Amino acid sequence: ERRCRGAGALARRAALQSSLLASGFSMLREGGLLVYCTCSFARGQNEELVRAFVESSGGAAVIDSIAELPEGTPCSAGSIAGTLRFEPRVSSTSALFIARVRKRGRQKFDTSSVRGGCVVGSEAVEATT
């Protein structure tokens, strides 16, 4: 479609995805988990969007997705600790990005329920590229 092409298309999709992420997150209870997943490799729809959301929300934390993967899973780490990228050439997918985002409560939540994972708070969300 014509509206999906051009320089403005990425910005429109990122704005829509940001709105969907915020809406979904607002419906979580304290301690709830949201999986943000796209079939895009555009950092503006993935890491940049998640980083901005975590930094502005004050109550979101990225949860490590890497620790729970079986060995040999055809993916790589995203530029935010704990996020995943599946490249089409390696994973037989159309490209995937995955971030798990937990809604923090007033008290520290028990990370032992996150099997093998760790909490990456907004202060630790740094680009590693």
C-alpha atoms as a PDB file:
ATOM      1  CA  GLU A   1       0.000   0.000   0.000  1.00  0.00           C
ATOM      2  CA  ARG A   2       1.075   3.537  -0.670  1.00  0.00           C
ATOM      3  CA  ARG A   3       0.578   4.625   2.956  1.00  0.00           C
ATOM      4  CA  CYS A   4       3.089   1.971   4.101  1.00  0.00           C
ATOM      5  CA  ARG A   5       5.902   3.365   1.982  1.00  0.00           C
ATOM      6  CA  GLY A   6       8.140   6.387   2.319  1.00  0.00           C
ATOM      7  CA  ALA A   7       9.957   8.195   5.090  1.00  0.00           C
ATOM      8  CA  GLY A   8       6.838   8.957   7.114  1.00  0.00           C
ATOM      9  CA  ALA A   9       5.637   5.354   7.261  1.00  0.00           C
ATOM     10  CA  LEU A  10       8.172   4.319   9.906  1.00  0.00           C
ATOM     11  CA  ALA A  11       7.258   7.293  12.075  1.00  0.00           C
ATOM     12  CA  ARG A  12       3.526   6.517  11.745  1.00  0.00           C
ATOM     13  CA  ARG A  13       4.062   2.853  12.636  1.00  0.00           C
ATOM     14  CA  ALA A  14       6.291   3.778  15.595  1.00  0.00           C
ATOM     15  CA  ALA A  15       3.664   6.235  16.872  1.00  0.00           C
ATOM     16  CA  LEU A  16       0.966   3.572  16.602  1.00  0.00           C
ATOM     17  CA  GLN A  17       3.136   0.966  18.310  1.00  0.00           C
ATOM     18  CA  SER A  18       4.012   3.409  21.090  1.00  0.00           C
ATOM     19  CA  SER A  19       0.324   4.013  21.656  1.00  0.00           C
ATOM     20  CA  LEU A  20      -0.401   0.261  21.706  1.00  0.00           C
ATOM     21  CA  LEU A  21       2.453  -0.370  24.163  1.00  0.00           C
ATOM     22  CA  ALA A  22       1.233   2.380  26.511  1.00  0.00           C
ATOM     23  CA  SER A  23      -2.367   1.184  26.273  1.00  0.00           C
ATOM     24  CA  GLY A  24      -1.489  -2.445  26.974  1.00  0.00           C
ATOM     25  CA  PHE A  25       0.814  -1.484  29.830  1.00  0.00           C
ATOM     26  CA  SER A  26      -1.883   0.690  31.439  1.00  0.00           C
ATOM     27  CA  MET A  27      -4.131  -2.381  31.692  1.00  0.00           C
ATOM     28  CA  LEU A  28      -1.576  -4.423  33.657  1.00  0.00           C
ATOM     29  CA  ARG A  29      -1.821  -4.930  37.374  1.00  0.00           C
ATOM     30  CA  GLU A  30       1.256  -4.263  39.485  1.00  0.00           C
ATOM     31  CA  GLY A  31       3.719  -7.058  38.748  1.00  0.00           C
ATOM     32  CA  GLY A  32       1.997  -7.850  35.425  1.00  0.00           C
ATOM     33  CA  LEU A  33       4.041  -8.765  32.357  1.00  0.00           C
ATOM     34  CA  LEU A  34       3.620  -7.455  28.815  1.00  0.00           C
ATOM     35  CA  VAL A  35       5.395  -8.971  25.810  1.00  0.00           C
ATOM     36  CA  TYR A  36       6.171  -6.352  23.164  1.00  0.00           C
ATOM     37  CA  CYS A  37       6.943  -8.045  19.858  1.00  0.00           C
ATOM     38  CA  THR A  38       7.309  -6.697  16.324  1.00  0.00           C
ATOM     39  CA  CYS A  39       8.106  -8.221  12.961  1.00  0.00           C
ATOM     40  CA  SER A  40      10.460  -5.346  12.215  1.00  0.00           C
ATOM     41  CA  PHE A  41      14.175  -4.703  12.540  1.00  0.00           C
ATOM     42  CA  ALA A  42      13.770  -0.917  12.667  1.00  0.00           C
ATOM     43  CA  ARG A  43      15.281   0.303  15.941  1.00  0.00           C
ATOM     44  CA  GLY A  44      12.738   3.153  15.923  1.00  0.00           C
ATOM     45  CA  GLN A  45       9.964   0.573  16.310  1.00  0.00           C
ATOM     46  CA  ASN A  46      11.915  -1.581  18.740  1.00  0.00           C
ATOM     47  CA  GLU A  47      14.725  -0.577  21.090  1.00  0.00           C
ATOM     48  CA  GLU A  48      14.242   3.173  20.760  1.00  0.00           C
ATOM     49  CA  LEU A  49      10.516   2.866  21.403  1.00  0.00           C
ATOM     50  CA  VAL A  50      10.939   0.507  24.382  1.00  0.00           C
ATOM     51  CA  ARG A  51      13.755   2.631  25.858  1.00  0.00           C
ATOM     52  CA  ALA A  52      11.666   5.805  25.634  1.00  0.00           C
ATOM     53  CA  PHE A  53       8.660   4.050  27.176  1.00  0.00           C
ATOM     54  CA  VAL A  54      10.623   2.603  30.104  1.00  0.00           C
ATOM     55  CA  GLU A  55      12.339   5.927  30.806  1.00  0.00           C
ATOM     56  CA  SER A  56       9.095   7.915  30.706  1.00  0.00           C
ATOM     57  CA  SER A  57       6.767   5.463  32.458  1.00  0.00           C
ATOM     58  CA  GLY A  58       8.455   5.431  35.841  1.00  0.00           C
ATOM     59  CA  GLY A  59       6.972   2.019  36.508  1.00  0.00           C
ATOM     60  CA  ALA A  60       8.247  -0.258  33.760  1.00  0.00           C
ATOM     61  CA  ALA A  61      11.208  -2.630  33.786  1.00  0.00           C
ATOM     62  CA  VAL A  62      12.586  -4.748  30.942  1.00  0.00           C
ATOM     63  CA  ILE A  63      12.841  -8.388  32.022  1.00  0.00           C
ATOM     64  CA  ASP A  64      15.640 -10.585  30.706  1.00  0.00           C
ATOM     65  CA  SER A  65      14.365 -12.805  27.897  1.00  0.00           C
ATOM     66  CA  ILE A  66      17.756 -14.252  27.024  1.00  0.00           C
ATOM     67  CA  ALA A  67      18.331 -16.287  30.190  1.00  0.00           C
ATOM     68  CA  GLU A  68      15.285 -18.466  29.491  1.00  0.00           C
ATOM     69  CA  LEU A  69      16.130 -19.421  25.916  1.00  0.00           C
ATOM     70  CA  PRO A  70      17.172 -22.943  25.073  1.00  0.00           C
ATOM     71  CA  GLU A  71      20.739 -23.174  23.863  1.00  0.00           C
ATOM     72  CA  GLY A  72      20.995 -22.805  20.107  1.00  0.00           C
ATOM     73  CA  THR A  73      17.968 -20.523  19.736  1.00  0.00           C
ATOM     74  CA  PRO A  74      18.616 -18.612  16.482  1.00  0.00           C
ATOM     75  CA  CYS A  75      18.553 -15.069  17.843  1.00  0.00           C
ATOM     76  CA  SER A  76      20.819 -12.344  19.139  1.00  0.00           C
ATOM     77  CA  ALA A  77      20.611  -9.822  21.958  1.00  0.00           C
ATOM     78  CA  GLY A  78      18.984  -6.488  21.220  1.00  0.00           C
ATOM     79  CA  SER A  79      20.698  -3.239  22.153  1.00  0.00           C
ATOM     80  CA  ILE A  80      18.681  -3.107  25.397  1.00  0.00           C
ATOM     81  CA  ALA A  81      19.781  -5.751  27.874  1.00  0.00           C
ATOM     82  CA  GLY A  82      17.371  -8.685  27.914  1.00  0.00           C
ATOM     83  CA  THR A  83      15.710  -8.021  24.543  1.00  0.00           C
ATOM     84  CA  LEU A  84      15.898 -10.360  21.559  1.00  0.00           C
ATOM     85  CA  ARG A  85      16.318  -9.993  17.788  1.00  0.00           C
ATOM     86  CA  PHE A  86      15.636 -12.814  15.330  1.00  0.00           C
ATOM     87  CA  GLU A  87      17.328 -12.225  11.972  1.00  0.00           C
ATOM     88  CA  PRO A  88      15.596 -13.659   8.894  1.00  0.00           C
ATOM     89  CA  ARG A  89      18.766 -15.216   7.471  1.00  0.00           C
ATOM     90  CA  VAL A  90      19.436 -17.183  10.635  1.00  0.00           C
ATOM     91  CA  SER A  91      16.027 -17.835  12.184  1.00  0.00           C
ATOM     92  CA  SER A  92      13.760 -18.515   9.178  1.00  0.00           C
ATOM     93  CA  THR A  93      11.480 -15.678  10.339  1.00  0.00           C
ATOM     94  CA  SER A  94      10.550 -12.398   8.701  1.00  0.00           C
ATOM     95  CA  ALA A  95      12.511 -10.619  11.494  1.00  0.00           C
ATOM     96  CA  LEU A  96      11.365 -10.386  15.088  1.00  0.00           C
ATOM     97  CA  PHE A  97      12.073  -8.192  18.089  1.00  0.00           C
ATOM     98  CA  ILE A  98      10.928  -9.202  21.574  1.00  0.00           C
ATOM     99  CA  ALA A  99      10.962  -7.287  24.860  1.00  0.00           C
ATOM    100  CA  ARG A 100       9.249  -8.379  28.063  1.00  0.00           C
ATOM    101  CA  VAL A 101       8.155  -5.434  30.197  1.00  0.00           C
ATOM    102  CA  ARG A 102       6.988  -5.804  33.793  1.00  0.00           C
ATOM    103  CA  LYS A 103       4.861  -3.257  35.634  1.00  0.00           C
ATOM    104  CA  ARG A 104       6.512  -2.458  38.921  1.00  0.00           C
ATOM    105  CA  GLY A 105       4.474  -2.164  42.067  1.00  0.00           C
ATOM    106  CA  ARG A 106       4.908   0.052  45.089  1.00  0.00           C
ATOM    107  CA  GLN A 107       7.053  -2.666  46.619  1.00  0.00           C
ATOM    108  CA  LYS A 108       9.916  -4.492  44.980  1.00  0.00           C
ATOM    109  CA  PHE A 109       8.521  -7.500  43.176  1.00  0.00           C
ATOM    110  CA  ASP A 110       9.996 -10.929  43.702  1.00  0.00           C
ATOM    111  CA  THR A 111      12.252 -11.716  40.751  1.00  0.00           C
ATOM    112  CA  SER A 112      12.544 -15.358  41.790  1.00  0.00           C
ATOM    113  CA  SER A 113       9.275 -15.935  39.929  1.00  0.00           C
ATOM    114  CA  VAL A 114      11.059 -14.905  36.732  1.00  0.00           C
ATOM    115  CA  ARG A 115      12.696 -18.232  36.014  1.00  0.00           C
ATOM    116  CA  GLY A 116      16.397 -17.633  35.375  1.00  0.00           C
ATOM    117  CA  GLY A 117      15.767 -13.983  34.560  1.00  0.00           C
ATOM    118  CA  CYS A 118      16.762 -10.687  36.042  1.00  0.00           C
ATOM    119  CA  VAL A 119      15.187  -7.271  36.223  1.00  0.00           C
ATOM    120  CA  VAL A 120      16.706  -4.531  34.136  1.00  0.00           C
ATOM    121  CA  GLY A 121      15.427  -1.260  35.543  1.00  0.00           C
ATOM    122  CA  SER A 122      15.111   1.974  33.607  1.00  0.00           C
ATOM    123  CA  GLU A 123      18.441   3.127  34.995  1.00  0.00           C
ATOM    124  CA  ALA A 124      20.138   0.174  33.273  1.00  0.00           C
ATOM    125  CA  VAL A 125      18.492   0.593  29.894  1.00  0.00           C
ATOM    126  CA  GLU A 126      21.475   1.753  27.863  1.00  0.00           C
ATOM    127  CA  ALA A 127      22.292   1.249  24.203  1.00  0.00           C
ATOM    128  CA  THR A 128      25.158  -1.177  23.651  1.00  0.00           C
ATOM    129  CA  THR A 129      25.529  -0.691  19.918  1.00  0.00           C
END
